[in-house]
Amino acid sequence: MDVNAREEIREGNITRQVEQQTAKIPSINWLALAVGSMGISFVTEIFFKRRALGNFFGLWAPSLLLIGVYNKLVKLEANMERSLLH
């Protein structure tokens, strides 16, 4: 895709602001949050015998991992665009 075609594809202001804010968070943090939610889920289910609450916390992990992947893709795309401009 050439530069002129890229200029036609614009993201909205809100999307750009969200990407700028999430780009400040290191990717490892998203992984740590996902693993943490799995740990909280495990503790909640095993030690507190609250299966529904444990499932609630456990279901956060895929969403956090997906946000982390999206975050990484946005960073890679920004780096590629910068390298094409220079």
Protein backbone atom coordinates (compact mmCIF):
# COMPACT_ATOMS: atom_id res chain seq x y z
CA MET A 1 0.00 0.00 0.00
CA ASP A 2 1.52 3.32 -1.01
CA VAL A 3 1.65 6.43 1.14
CA ASN A 4 -1.20 8.18 -0.73
CA ALA A 5 -3.52 5.24 -0.13
CA ARG A 6 -2.52 5.22 3.55
CA GLU A 7 -3.47 8.87 3.92
CA GLU A 8 -7.01 8.02 2.81
CA ILE A 9 -7.39 5.56 5.67
CA ARG A 10 -7.75 7.68 8.78
CA GLU A 11 -8.63 6.65 12.27
CA GLY A 12 -11.01 8.65 14.39
CA ASN A 13 -9.78 11.01 17.09
CA ILE A 14 -11.02 8.76 19.89
CA THR A 15 -9.28 5.72 18.41
CA ARG A 16 -6.04 7.64 18.03
CA GLN A 17 -6.21 8.90 21.62
CA VAL A 18 -6.92 5.41 22.99
CA GLU A 19 -4.00 3.98 20.98
CA GLN A 20 -1.67 6.71 22.24
CA GLN A 21 -2.62 6.02 25.85
CA THR A 22 -2.42 2.21 25.60
CA ALA A 23 0.91 2.46 23.75
CA LYS A 24 2.38 3.93 26.94
CA ILE A 25 1.67 0.64 28.75
CA PRO A 26 4.36 -2.01 28.17
CA SER A 27 3.10 -5.21 26.55
CA ILE A 28 4.32 -7.34 29.44
CA ASN A 29 1.83 -5.57 31.71
CA TRP A 30 -1.10 -6.96 29.70
CA LEU A 31 0.35 -10.45 30.08
CA ALA A 32 0.84 -9.92 33.81
CA LEU A 33 -2.74 -8.72 34.21
CA ALA A 34 -4.04 -11.77 32.32
CA VAL A 35 -1.98 -14.18 34.43
CA GLY A 36 -3.08 -12.30 37.55
CA SER A 37 -6.73 -12.68 36.62
CA MET A 38 -6.18 -16.42 36.17
CA GLY A 39 -4.54 -16.58 39.59
CA ILE A 40 -7.38 -14.67 41.22
CA SER A 41 -9.82 -16.99 39.49
CA PHE A 42 -7.99 -20.05 40.81
CA VAL A 43 -7.84 -18.75 44.38
CA THR A 44 -11.48 -17.67 44.31
CA GLU A 45 -12.68 -21.05 43.07
CA ILE A 46 -10.43 -23.34 45.12
CA PHE A 47 -10.10 -21.56 48.45
CA PHE A 48 -13.31 -19.54 48.65
CA LYS A 49 -15.53 -22.07 46.80
CA ARG A 50 -17.08 -19.26 44.73
CA ARG A 51 -17.18 -20.83 41.27
CA ALA A 52 -19.24 -18.10 39.57
CA LEU A 53 -16.99 -15.34 40.88
CA GLY A 54 -13.91 -17.36 39.88
CA ASN A 55 -15.29 -17.70 36.35
CA PHE A 56 -15.91 -13.96 36.26
CA PHE A 57 -12.26 -13.23 37.01
CA GLY A 58 -11.04 -16.01 34.73
CA LEU A 59 -12.92 -14.61 31.77
CA TRP A 60 -10.87 -11.42 31.96
CA ALA A 61 -7.73 -13.21 30.77
CA PRO A 62 -8.65 -13.60 27.07
CA SER A 63 -9.79 -9.98 26.86
CA LEU A 64 -6.60 -8.70 28.48
CA LEU A 65 -4.46 -10.84 26.17
CA LEU A 66 -6.37 -9.57 23.14
CA ILE A 67 -5.86 -5.96 24.24
CA GLY A 68 -2.15 -6.75 24.63
CA VAL A 69 -1.97 -8.17 21.10
CA TYR A 70 -3.81 -5.15 19.72
CA ASN A 71 -1.45 -2.86 21.62
CA LYS A 72 1.55 -4.66 20.14
CA LEU A 73 0.15 -4.47 16.60
CA VAL A 74 -0.47 -0.73 16.95
CA LYS A 75 3.11 -0.22 18.12
CA LEU A 76 4.49 -2.30 15.24
CA GLU A 77 2.39 -0.41 12.71
CA ALA A 78 3.57 2.94 14.08
CA ASN A 79 7.20 1.81 13.85
CA MET A 80 6.69 0.63 10.26
CA GLU A 81 5.10 3.94 9.28
CA ARG A 82 7.97 5.88 10.85
CA SER A 83 10.53 3.76 9.03
CA LEU A 84 8.73 4.30 5.70
CA LEU A 85 8.73 8.06 6.20
CA HIS A 86 12.48 8.19 6.92
